[in-house]
PDB file of N, CA and C in Angstrom:
ATOM      1  N   LEU A   1     111.419  84.878  57.946  1.00  0.00           N
ATOM      2  CA  LEU A   1     112.414  85.341  56.994  1.00  0.00           C
ATOM      3  C   LEU A   1     112.444  86.859  56.928  1.00  0.00           C
ATOM      4  N   PHE A   2     111.295  87.473  57.054  1.00  0.00           N
ATOM      5  CA  PHE A   2     111.262  88.927  57.016  1.00  0.00           C
ATOM      6  C   PHE A   2     112.123  89.522  58.131  1.00  0.00           C
ATOM      7  N   GLN A   3     112.033  88.960  59.319  1.00  0.00           N
ATOM      8  CA  GLN A   3     112.833  89.467  60.428  1.00  0.00           C
ATOM      9  C   GLN A   3     114.324  89.280  60.171  1.00  0.00           C
ATOM     10  N   LEU A   4     114.710  88.179  59.557  1.00  0.00           N
ATOM     11  CA  LEU A   4     116.115  87.973  59.212  1.00  0.00           C
ATOM     12  C   LEU A   4     116.548  88.984  58.156  1.00  0.00           C
ATOM     13  N   ARG A   5     115.706  89.220  57.171  1.00  0.00           N
ATOM     14  CA  ARG A   5     116.037  90.168  56.101  1.00  0.00           C
ATOM     15  C   ARG A   5     116.203  91.595  56.619  1.00  0.00           C
ATOM     16  N   THR A   6     115.413  91.966  57.618  1.00  0.00           N
ATOM     17  CA  THR A   6     115.463  93.337  58.122  1.00  0.00           C
ATOM     18  C   THR A   6     116.385  93.519  59.324  1.00  0.00           C
ATOM     19  N   GLY A   7     116.948  92.415  59.818  1.00  0.00           N
ATOM     20  CA  GLY A   7     117.817  92.523  60.993  1.00  0.00           C
ATOM     21  C   GLY A   7     117.074  92.611  62.298  1.00  0.00           C
ATOM     22  N   HIS A   8     115.781  92.308  62.278  1.00  0.00           N
ATOM     23  CA  HIS A   8     114.972  92.375  63.492  1.00  0.00           C
ATOM     24  C   HIS A   8     114.595  90.994  64.023  1.00  0.00           C
ATOM     25  N   ALA A   9     115.425  90.018  63.746  1.00  0.00           N
ATOM     26  CA  ALA A   9     115.211  88.664  64.259  1.00  0.00           C
ATOM     27  C   ALA A   9     115.595  88.622  65.741  1.00  0.00           C
ATOM     28  N   PRO A  10     115.031  87.678  66.481  1.00  0.00           N
ATOM     29  CA  PRO A  10     115.362  87.582  67.905  1.00  0.00           C
ATOM     30  C   PRO A  10     116.751  86.995  68.146  1.00  0.00           C
ATOM     31  N   LEU A  11     117.748  87.710  67.653  1.00  0.00           N
ATOM     32  CA  LEU A  11     119.150  87.390  67.890  1.00  0.00           C
ATOM     33  C   LEU A  11     119.719  88.469  68.807  1.00  0.00           C
ATOM     34  N   ASN A  12     120.784  88.179  69.508  1.00  0.00           N
ATOM     35  CA  ASN A  12     121.248  89.065  70.578  1.00  0.00           C
ATOM     36  C   ASN A  12     121.567  90.490  70.155  1.00  0.00           C
ATOM     37  N   LYS A  13     122.056  90.716  68.953  1.00  0.00           N
ATOM     38  CA  LYS A  13     122.339  92.090  68.510  1.00  0.00           C
ATOM     39  C   LYS A  13     121.059  92.922  68.548  1.00  0.00           C
ATOM     40  N   HIS A  14     119.991  92.399  67.967  1.00  0.00           N
ATOM     41  CA  HIS A  14     118.715  93.119  67.961  1.00  0.00           C
ATOM     42  C   HIS A  14     118.101  93.155  69.365  1.00  0.00           C
ATOM     43  N   LEU A  15     118.128  92.039  70.061  1.00  0.00           N
ATOM     44  CA  LEU A  15     117.534  91.995  71.398  1.00  0.00           C
ATOM     45  C   LEU A  15     118.242  92.949  72.351  1.00  0.00           C
ATOM     46  N   HIS A  16     119.540  93.122  72.202  1.00  0.00           N
ATOM     47  CA  HIS A  16     120.280  94.073  73.031  1.00  0.00           C
ATOM     48  C   HIS A  16     119.867  95.514  72.681  1.00  0.00           C
ATOM     49  N   ARG A  17     119.684  95.761  71.400  1.00  0.00           N
ATOM     50  CA  ARG A  17     119.278  97.099  70.940  1.00  0.00           C
ATOM     51  C   ARG A  17     117.933  97.499  71.551  1.00  0.00           C
ATOM     52  N   ILE A  18     117.032  96.542  71.745  1.00  0.00           N
ATOM     53  CA  ILE A  18     115.719  96.852  72.320  1.00  0.00           C
ATOM     54  C   ILE A  18     115.661  96.511  73.818  1.00  0.00           C
ATOM     55  N   THR A  19     116.822  96.367  74.421  1.00  0.00           N
ATOM     56  CA  THR A  19     117.016  96.135  75.859  1.00  0.00           C
ATOM     57  C   THR A  19     116.301  94.901  76.406  1.00  0.00           C
ATOM     58  N   LYS A  20     116.329  93.818  75.623  1.00  0.00           N
ATOM     59  CA  LYS A  20     115.746  92.554  76.079  1.00  0.00           C
ATOM     60  C   LYS A  20     116.801  91.591  76.611  1.00  0.00           C
ATOM     61  N   VAL A  21     118.054  91.796  76.228  1.00  0.00           N
ATOM     62  CA  VAL A  21     119.159  90.996  76.746  1.00  0.00           C
ATOM     63  C   VAL A  21     120.301  91.941  77.107  1.00  0.00           C
ATOM     64  N   PRO A  22     121.151  91.548  78.064  1.00  0.00           N
ATOM     65  CA  PRO A  22     122.203  92.455  78.527  1.00  0.00           C
ATOM     66  C   PRO A  22     123.379  92.632  77.570  1.00  0.00           C
ATOM     67  N   SER A  23     123.551  91.714  76.623  1.00  0.00           N
ATOM     68  CA  SER A  23     124.720  91.781  75.758  1.00  0.00           C
ATOM     69  C   SER A  23     124.362  91.375  74.330  1.00  0.00           C
ATOM     70  N   PRO A  24     124.994  91.998  73.333  1.00  0.00           N
ATOM     71  CA  PRO A  24     124.763  91.605  71.951  1.00  0.00           C
ATOM     72  C   PRO A  24     125.615  90.401  71.518  1.00  0.00           C
ATOM     73  N   ILE A  25     126.477  89.920  72.412  1.00  0.00           N
ATOM     74  CA  ILE A  25     127.416  88.851  72.079  1.00  0.00           C
ATOM     75  C   ILE A  25     126.688  87.515  71.910  1.00  0.00           C
ATOM     76  N   CYS A  26     127.118  86.752  70.929  1.00  0.00           N
ATOM     77  CA  CYS A  26     126.567  85.430  70.662  1.00  0.00           C
ATOM     78  C   CYS A  26     126.783  84.527  71.871  1.00  0.00           C
ATOM     79  N   GLN A  27     125.723  83.917  72.344  1.00  0.00           N
ATOM     80  CA  GLN A  27     125.811  83.032  73.502  1.00  0.00           C
ATOM     81  C   GLN A  27     126.300  81.636  73.138  1.00  0.00           C
ATOM     82  N   GLN A  28     126.435  81.357  71.851  1.00  0.00           N
ATOM     83  CA  GLN A  28     126.934  80.059  71.410  1.00  0.00           C
ATOM     84  C   GLN A  28     128.460  80.036  71.365  1.00  0.00           C
ATOM     85  N   CYS A  29     129.053  81.081  70.787  1.00  0.00           N
ATOM     86  CA  CYS A  29     130.510  81.081  70.626  1.00  0.00           C
ATOM     87  C   CYS A  29     131.209  82.123  71.495  1.00  0.00           C
ATOM     88  N   HIS A  30     130.491  83.113  71.992  1.00  0.00           N
ATOM     89  CA  HIS A  30     131.033  84.178  72.841  1.00  0.00           C
ATOM     90  C   HIS A  30     132.168  84.957  72.171  1.00  0.00           C
ATOM     91  N   ARG A  31     132.143  85.035  70.833  1.00  0.00           N
ATOM     92  CA  ARG A  31     133.232  85.706  70.107  1.00  0.00           C
ATOM     93  C   ARG A  31     132.813  87.017  69.466  1.00  0.00           C
ATOM     94  N   ARG A  32     131.620  87.081  68.955  1.00  0.00           N
ATOM     95  CA  ARG A  32     131.172  88.248  68.180  1.00  0.00           C
ATOM     96  C   ARG A  32     129.719  88.583  68.529  1.00  0.00           C
ATOM     97  N   GLU A  33     129.287  89.748  68.069  1.00  0.00           N
ATOM     98  CA  GLU A  33     127.885  90.100  68.218  1.00  0.00           C
ATOM     99  C   GLU A  33     127.048  89.121  67.376  1.00  0.00           C
ATOM    100  N   GLU A  34     125.924  88.734  67.925  1.00  0.00           N
ATOM    101  CA  GLU A  34     125.062  87.791  67.222  1.00  0.00           C
ATOM    102  C   GLU A  34     124.132  88.550  66.269  1.00  0.00           C
ATOM    103  N   THR A  35     124.657  88.806  65.095  1.00  0.00           N
ATOM    104  CA  THR A  35     123.884  89.421  64.023  1.00  0.00           C
ATOM    105  C   THR A  35     123.302  88.323  63.141  1.00  0.00           C
ATOM    106  N   VAL A  36     122.481  88.718  62.189  1.00  0.00           N
ATOM    107  CA  VAL A  36     121.959  87.753  61.227  1.00  0.00           C
ATOM    108  C   VAL A  36     123.119  87.125  60.459  1.00  0.00           C
ATOM    109  N   HIS A  37     124.055  87.957  60.019  1.00  0.00           N
ATOM    110  CA  HIS A  37     125.223  87.442  59.287  1.00  0.00           C
ATOM    111  C   HIS A  37     125.996  86.439  60.143  1.00  0.00           C
ATOM    112  N   HIS A  38     126.239  86.789  61.391  1.00  0.00           N
ATOM    113  CA  HIS A  38     126.987  85.886  62.276  1.00  0.00           C
ATOM    114  C   HIS A  38     126.245  84.566  62.447  1.00  0.00           C
ATOM    115  N   PHE A  39     124.948  84.624  62.715  1.00  0.00           N
ATOM    116  CA  PHE A  39     124.153  83.411  62.927  1.00  0.00           C
ATOM    117  C   PHE A  39     124.153  82.521  61.693  1.00  0.00           C
ATOM    118  N   LEU A  40     123.897  83.095  60.543  1.00  0.00           N
ATOM    119  CA  LEU A  40     123.749  82.279  59.333  1.00  0.00           C
ATOM    120  C   LEU A  40     125.072  81.889  58.684  1.00  0.00           C
ATOM    121  N   LEU A  41     126.082  82.728  58.776  1.00  0.00           N
ATOM    122  CA  LEU A  41     127.289  82.506  57.972  1.00  0.00           C
ATOM    123  C   LEU A  41     128.590  82.367  58.731  1.00  0.00           C
ATOM    124  N   ALA A  42     128.648  82.720  60.003  1.00  0.00           N
ATOM    125  CA  ALA A  42     129.951  82.791  60.646  1.00  0.00           C
ATOM    126  C   ALA A  42     130.114  82.060  61.978  1.00  0.00           C
ATOM    127  N   CYS A  43     129.073  81.892  62.743  1.00  0.00           N
ATOM    128  CA  CYS A  43     129.227  81.313  64.084  1.00  0.00           C
ATOM    129  C   CYS A  43     129.828  79.910  63.997  1.00  0.00           C
ATOM    130  N   PRO A  44     130.971  79.702  64.655  1.00  0.00           N
ATOM    131  CA  PRO A  44     131.611  78.396  64.587  1.00  0.00           C
ATOM    132  C   PRO A  44     130.790  77.274  65.239  1.00  0.00           C
ATOM    133  N   GLN A  45     129.860  77.614  66.084  1.00  0.00           N
ATOM    134  CA  GLN A  45     129.025  76.591  66.717  1.00  0.00           C
ATOM    135  C   GLN A  45     128.083  75.912  65.728  1.00  0.00           C
ATOM    136  N   TYR A  46     127.821  76.559  64.605  1.00  0.00           N
ATOM    137  CA  TYR A  46     126.891  76.004  63.626  1.00  0.00           C
ATOM    138  C   TYR A  46     127.594  75.558  62.352  1.00  0.00           C
ATOM    139  N   THR A  47     128.866  75.244  62.438  1.00  0.00           N
ATOM    140  CA  THR A  47     129.641  74.839  61.263  1.00  0.00           C
ATOM    141  C   THR A  47     129.060  73.589  60.606  1.00  0.00           C
ATOM    142  N   ARG A  48     128.703  72.594  61.389  1.00  0.00           N
ATOM    143  CA  ARG A  48     128.158  71.343  60.844  1.00  0.00           C
ATOM    144  C   ARG A  48     126.847  71.608  60.114  1.00  0.00           C
ATOM    145  N   GLN A  49     125.963  72.377  60.728  1.00  0.00           N
ATOM    146  CA  GLN A  49     124.682  72.689  60.109  1.00  0.00           C
ATOM    147  C   GLN A  49     124.881  73.542  58.845  1.00  0.00           C
ATOM    148  N   ARG A  50     125.832  74.478  58.907  1.00  0.00           N
ATOM    149  CA  ARG A  50     126.105  75.343  57.755  1.00  0.00           C
ATOM    150  C   ARG A  50     126.661  74.533  56.587  1.00  0.00           C
ATOM    151  N   LEU A  51     127.492  73.555  56.861  1.00  0.00           N
ATOM    152  CA  LEU A  51     128.025  72.698  55.800  1.00  0.00           C
ATOM    153  C   LEU A  51     126.891  71.929  55.128  1.00  0.00           C
ATOM    154  N   ALA A  52     125.949  71.436  55.925  1.00  0.00           N
ATOM    155  CA  ALA A  52     124.792  70.738  55.359  1.00  0.00           C
ATOM    156  C   ALA A  52     123.969  71.694  54.484  1.00  0.00           C
ATOM    157  N   LEU A  53     123.808  72.927  54.938  1.00  0.00           N
ATOM    158  CA  LEU A  53     123.100  73.933  54.147  1.00  0.00           C
ATOM    159  C   LEU A  53     123.815  74.191  52.825  1.00  0.00           C
ATOM    160  N   GLN A  54     125.114  74.386  52.872  1.00  0.00           N
ATOM    161  CA  GLN A  54     125.883  74.649  51.663  1.00  0.00           C
ATOM    162  C   GLN A  54     125.836  73.468  50.706  1.00  0.00           C
ATOM    163  N   ASN A  55     125.901  72.261  51.240  1.00  0.00           N
ATOM    164  CA  ASN A  55     125.808  71.070  50.388  1.00  0.00           C
ATOM    165  C   ASN A  55     124.441  70.959  49.732  1.00  0.00           C
ATOM    166  N   GLU A  56     123.404  71.297  50.478  1.00  0.00           N
ATOM    167  CA  GLU A  56     122.049  71.206  49.933  1.00  0.00           C
ATOM    168  C   GLU A  56     121.780  72.298  48.898  1.00  0.00           C
ATOM    169  N   ILE A  57     122.208  73.497  49.166  1.00  0.00           N
ATOM    170  CA  ILE A  57     121.937  74.613  48.266  1.00  0.00           C
ATOM    171  C   ILE A  57     122.797  74.545  47.013  1.00  0.00           C
ATOM    172  N   GLY A  58     124.036  74.185  47.148  1.00  0.00           N
ATOM    173  CA  GLY A  58     124.938  74.177  46.006  1.00  0.00           C
ATOM    174  C   GLY A  58     124.364  73.547  44.760  1.00  0.00           C
ATOM    175  N   PRO A  59     124.098  72.265  44.739  1.00  0.00           N
ATOM    176  CA  PRO A  59     123.579  71.640  43.532  1.00  0.00           C
ATOM    177  C   PRO A  59     122.156  72.069  43.194  1.00  0.00           C
ATOM    178  N   GLN A  60     121.314  72.254  44.175  1.00  0.00           N
ATOM    179  CA  GLN A  60     119.912  72.581  43.938  1.00  0.00           C
ATOM    180  C   GLN A  60     119.763  73.934  43.256  1.00  0.00           C
ATOM    181  N   ALA A  61     120.501  74.930  43.707  1.00  0.00           N
ATOM    182  CA  ALA A  61     120.363  76.278  43.159  1.00  0.00           C
ATOM    183  C   ALA A  61     121.453  76.588  42.143  1.00  0.00           C
ATOM    184  N   ASN A  62     122.255  75.570  41.813  1.00  0.00           N
ATOM    185  CA  ASN A  62     123.369  75.770  40.893  1.00  0.00           C
ATOM    186  C   ASN A  62     124.264  76.907  41.373  1.00  0.00           C
ATOM    187  N   CYS A  63     124.571  76.865  42.659  1.00  0.00           N
ATOM    188  CA  CYS A  63     125.346  77.942  43.276  1.00  0.00           C
ATOM    189  C   CYS A  63     126.774  77.481  43.510  1.00  0.00           C
ATOM    190  N   ASN A  64     127.674  78.418  43.478  1.00  0.00           N
ATOM    191  CA  ASN A  64     129.027  78.113  43.919  1.00  0.00           C
ATOM    192  C   ASN A  64     129.175  78.535  45.370  1.00  0.00           C
ATOM    193  N   HIS A  65     130.301  78.267  45.972  1.00  0.00           N
ATOM    194  CA  HIS A  65     130.510  78.527  47.404  1.00  0.00           C
ATOM    195  C   HIS A  65     130.294  79.991  47.763  1.00  0.00           C
ATOM    196  N   ALA A  66     130.821  80.905  46.946  1.00  0.00           N
ATOM    197  CA  ALA A  66     130.688  82.333  47.242  1.00  0.00           C
ATOM    198  C   ALA A  66     129.216  82.748  47.243  1.00  0.00           C
ATOM    199  N   TYR A  67     128.430  82.174  46.347  1.00  0.00           N
ATOM    200  CA  TYR A  67     127.023  82.534  46.253  1.00  0.00           C
ATOM    201  C   TYR A  67     126.266  82.128  47.503  1.00  0.00           C
ATOM    202  N   THR A  68     126.508  80.931  48.006  1.00  0.00           N
ATOM    203  CA  THR A  68     125.777  80.467  49.181  1.00  0.00           C
ATOM    204  C   THR A  68     126.167  81.260  50.416  1.00  0.00           C
ATOM    205  N   ASN A  69     127.337  81.881  50.404  1.00  0.00           N
ATOM    206  CA  ASN A  69     127.757  82.682  51.543  1.00  0.00           C
ATOM    207  C   ASN A  69     127.304  84.131  51.443  1.00  0.00           C
ATOM    208  N   HIS A  70     126.635  84.490  50.398  1.00  0.00           N
ATOM    209  CA  HIS A  70     126.162  85.853  50.237  1.00  0.00           C
ATOM    210  C   HIS A  70     124.797  85.970  50.904  1.00  0.00           C
ATOM    211  N   LEU A  71     124.729  86.748  51.968  1.00  0.00           N
ATOM    212  CA  LEU A  71     123.535  86.810  52.806  1.00  0.00           C
ATOM    213  C   LEU A  71     122.285  87.213  52.028  1.00  0.00           C
ATOM    214  N   LYS A  72     122.372  88.217  51.201  1.00  0.00           N
ATOM    215  CA  LYS A  72     121.210  88.687  50.465  1.00  0.00           C
ATOM    216  C   LYS A  72     120.611  87.575  49.599  1.00  0.00           C
ATOM    217  N   ASN A  73     121.464  86.874  48.877  1.00  0.00           N
ATOM    218  CA  ASN A  73     120.983  85.790  48.036  1.00  0.00           C
ATOM    219  C   ASN A  73     120.430  84.637  48.858  1.00  0.00           C
ATOM    220  N   LEU A  74     121.071  84.355  49.960  1.00  0.00           N
ATOM    221  CA  LEU A  74     120.604  83.271  50.826  1.00  0.00           C
ATOM    222  C   LEU A  74     119.194  83.551  51.341  1.00  0.00           C
ATOM    223  N   LEU A  75     118.908  84.813  51.640  1.00  0.00           N
ATOM    224  CA  LEU A  75     117.615  85.177  52.201  1.00  0.00           C
ATOM    225  C   LEU A  75     116.546  85.469  51.153  1.00  0.00           C
ATOM    226  N   SER A  76     116.929  85.593  49.900  1.00  0.00           N
ATOM    227  CA  SER A  76     115.931  85.978  48.905  1.00  0.00           C
ATOM    228  C   SER A  76     115.759  84.998  47.749  1.00  0.00           C
ATOM    229  N   ASN A  77     116.729  84.149  47.483  1.00  0.00           N
ATOM    230  CA  ASN A  77     116.609  83.195  46.388  1.00  0.00           C
ATOM    231  C   ASN A  77     115.594  82.124  46.765  1.00  0.00           C
ATOM    232  N   ARG A  78     114.564  81.955  45.933  1.00  0.00           N
ATOM    233  CA  ARG A  78     113.500  80.980  46.232  1.00  0.00           C
ATOM    234  C   ARG A  78     114.048  79.586  46.481  1.00  0.00           C
ATOM    235  N   LYS A  79     115.097  79.214  45.751  1.00  0.00           N
ATOM    236  CA  LYS A  79     115.654  77.868  45.888  1.00  0.00           C
ATOM    237  C   LYS A  79     116.418  77.679  47.197  1.00  0.00           C
ATOM    238  N   CYS A  80     116.698  78.767  47.877  1.00  0.00           N
ATOM    239  CA  CYS A  80     117.432  78.687  49.143  1.00  0.00           C
ATOM    240  C   CYS A  80     116.515  78.660  50.366  1.00  0.00           C
ATOM    241  N   ILE A  81     115.244  78.996  50.194  1.00  0.00           N
ATOM    242  CA  ILE A  81     114.368  79.182  51.353  1.00  0.00           C
ATOM    243  C   ILE A  81     114.182  77.902  52.175  1.00  0.00           C
ATOM    244  N   LYS A  82     113.798  76.796  51.545  1.00  0.00           N
ATOM    245  CA  LYS A  82     113.599  75.560  52.315  1.00  0.00           C
ATOM    246  C   LYS A  82     114.889  75.071  52.960  1.00  0.00           C
ATOM    247  N   PRO A  83     116.014  75.043  52.230  1.00  0.00           N
ATOM    248  CA  PRO A  83     117.265  74.661  52.888  1.00  0.00           C
ATOM    249  C   PRO A  83     117.627  75.592  54.050  1.00  0.00           C
ATOM    250  N   LEU A  84     117.361  76.885  53.878  1.00  0.00           N
ATOM    251  CA  LEU A  84     117.650  77.832  54.952  1.00  0.00           C
ATOM    252  C   LEU A  84     116.776  77.543  56.167  1.00  0.00           C
ATOM    253  N   LEU A  85     115.502  77.268  55.949  1.00  0.00           N
ATOM    254  CA  LEU A  85     114.618  76.927  57.070  1.00  0.00           C
ATOM    255  C   LEU A  85     115.070  75.640  57.745  1.00  0.00           C
ATOM    256  N   ARG A  86     115.545  74.678  56.977  1.00  0.00           N
ATOM    257  CA  ARG A  86     116.077  73.446  57.582  1.00  0.00           C
ATOM    258  C   ARG A  86     117.315  73.752  58.428  1.00  0.00           C
ATOM    259  N   PHE A  87     118.177  74.652  57.934  1.00  0.00           N
ATOM    260  CA  PHE A  87     119.356  75.073  58.706  1.00  0.00           C
ATOM    261  C   PHE A  87     118.910  75.700  60.026  1.00  0.00           C
ATOM    262  N   ILE A  88     117.992  76.650  59.945  1.00  0.00           N
ATOM    263  CA  ILE A  88     117.523  77.334  61.161  1.00  0.00           C
ATOM    264  C   ILE A  88     116.935  76.330  62.141  1.00  0.00           C
ATOM    265  N   ALA A  89     116.120  75.409  61.639  1.00  0.00           N
ATOM    266  CA  ALA A  89     115.529  74.389  62.516  1.00  0.00           C
ATOM    267  C   ALA A  89     116.613  73.525  63.151  1.00  0.00           C
ATOM    268  N   SER A  90     117.627  73.159  62.377  1.00  0.00           N
ATOM    269  CA  SER A  90     118.671  72.279  62.911  1.00  0.00           C
ATOM    270  C   SER A  90     119.520  72.941  63.986  1.00  0.00           C
ATOM    271  N   THR A  91     119.614  74.271  63.965  1.00  0.00           N
ATOM    272  CA  THR A  91     120.382  74.966  65.004  1.00  0.00           C
ATOM    273  C   THR A  91     119.575  75.085  66.300  1.00  0.00           C
ATOM    274  N   ARG A  92     118.267  75.043  66.175  1.00  0.00           N
ATOM    275  CA  ARG A  92     117.329  75.211  67.296  1.00  0.00           C
ATOM    276  C   ARG A  92     117.454  76.585  67.954  1.00  0.00           C
ATOM    277  N   ARG A  93     118.180  77.509  67.337  1.00  0.00           N
ATOM    278  CA  ARG A  93     118.414  78.822  67.926  1.00  0.00           C
ATOM    279  C   ARG A  93     117.133  79.651  68.047  1.00  0.00           C
ATOM    280  N   LEU A  94     116.238  79.545  67.096  1.00  0.00           N
ATOM    281  CA  LEU A  94     115.023  80.367  67.103  1.00  0.00           C
ATOM    282  C   LEU A  94     113.776  79.578  67.479  1.00  0.00           C
ATOM    283  N   GLU A  95     113.973  78.347  67.922  1.00  0.00           N
ATOM    284  CA  GLU A  95     112.853  77.464  68.243  1.00  0.00           C
ATOM    285  C   GLU A  95     111.956  78.034  69.337  1.00  0.00           C
ATOM    286  N   HIS A  96     112.555  78.687  70.329  1.00  0.00           N
ATOM    287  CA  HIS A  96     111.787  79.254  71.437  1.00  0.00           C
ATOM    288  C   HIS A  96     110.781  80.293  70.925  1.00  0.00           C
ATOM    289  N   ASN A  97     111.174  81.054  69.913  1.00  0.00           N
ATOM    290  CA  ASN A  97     110.315  82.107  69.385  1.00  0.00           C
ATOM    291  C   ASN A  97     109.354  81.633  68.314  1.00  0.00           C
ATOM    292  N   PHE A  98     109.803  80.720  67.462  1.00  0.00           N
ATOM    293  CA  PHE A  98     109.016  80.357  66.279  1.00  0.00           C
ATOM    294  C   PHE A  98     108.588  78.895  66.232  1.00  0.00           C
ATOM    295  N   GLY A  99     109.002  78.098  67.188  1.00  0.00           N
ATOM    296  CA  GLY A  99     108.692  76.679  67.139  1.00  0.00           C
ATOM    297  C   GLY A  99     109.539  75.997  66.071  1.00  0.00           C
ATOM    298  N   ASP A 100     109.090  74.863  65.625  1.00  0.00           N
ATOM    299  CA  ASP A 100     109.822  74.108  64.598  1.00  0.00           C
ATOM    300  C   ASP A 100     109.507  74.710  63.235  1.00  0.00           C
ATOM    301  N   VAL A 101     110.524  75.237  62.575  1.00  0.00           N
ATOM    302  CA  VAL A 101     110.333  75.874  61.264  1.00  0.00           C
ATOM    303  C   VAL A 101     110.722  74.957  60.117  1.00  0.00           C
ATOM    304  N   THR A 102     110.925  73.677  60.403  1.00  0.00           N
ATOM    305  CA  THR A 102     111.290  72.735  59.353  1.00  0.00           C
ATOM    306  C   THR A 102     110.177  72.679  58.305  1.00  0.00           C
ATOM    307  N   PRO A 103     110.507  72.969  57.045  1.00  0.00           N
ATOM    308  CA  PRO A 103     109.471  72.902  56.011  1.00  0.00           C
ATOM    309  C   PRO A 103     109.129  71.463  55.689  1.00  0.00           C
ATOM    310  N   PRO A 104     107.975  71.229  55.074  1.00  0.00           N
ATOM    311  CA  PRO A 104     107.649  69.852  54.675  1.00  0.00           C
ATOM    312  C   PRO A 104     108.659  69.351  53.658  1.00  0.00           C
ATOM    313  N   ALA A 105     108.845  68.055  53.634  1.00  0.00           N
ATOM    314  CA  ALA A 105     109.757  67.468  52.642  1.00  0.00           C
ATOM    315  C   ALA A 105     109.249  67.808  51.256  1.00  0.00           C
ATOM    316  N   ASP A 106     110.168  67.910  50.303  1.00  0.00           N
ATOM    317  CA  ASP A 106     109.807  68.300  48.946  1.00  0.00           C
ATOM    318  C   ASP A 106     108.757  67.392  48.336  1.00  0.00           C
ATOM    319  N   ASP A 107     108.832  66.085  48.595  1.00  0.00           N
ATOM    320  CA  ASP A 107     107.859  65.158  48.014  1.00  0.00           C
ATOM    321  C   ASP A 107     106.476  65.323  48.621  1.00  0.00           C
ATOM    322  N   GLU A 108     106.365  65.897  49.839  1.00  0.00           N
ATOM    323  CA  GLU A 108     105.069  66.120  50.464  1.00  0.00           C
ATOM    324  C   GLU A 108     104.325  67.277  49.817  1.00  0.00           C
ATOM    325  N   THR A 109     105.035  68.241  49.236  1.00  0.00           N
ATOM    326  CA  THR A 109     104.400  69.403  48.629  1.00  0.00           C
ATOM    327  C   THR A 109     104.029  69.189  47.175  1.00  0.00           C
ATOM    328  N   ASP A 110     104.495  68.075  46.593  1.00  0.00           N
ATOM    329  CA  ASP A 110     104.239  67.809  45.176  1.00  0.00           C
ATOM    330  C   ASP A 110     102.893  67.109  44.943  1.00  0.00           C
ATOM    331  N   GLU A 111     102.231  66.692  45.986  1.00  0.00           N
ATOM    332  CA  GLU A 111     100.984  65.939  45.831  1.00  0.00           C
ATOM    333  C   GLU A 111      99.835  66.797  45.366  1.00  0.00           C
TER     334      GLU A 111
END
């Protein structure tokens, strides 16, 4: 999460800046630079996963649609962290770097 918050996540915009990939363009949609904002909120390739994230966060965090689309709140609100990690895991975009980031189910942490 720290890397996402600071913009230093292994996404093409950052990787291009440090000369690890030839282009900052998103390899999923080929439309825009792959920034944290693009990955989490805009890439059309992750629409299904993003809808699941919005559905999960909405009632749990008592958020409206605009709130869930606000990057700062998404990355810092405690109630958004587990759903966000589930979103990231479901995209498999960062799996190569971080492995499976799926958090334990909520009932597993209550024991």
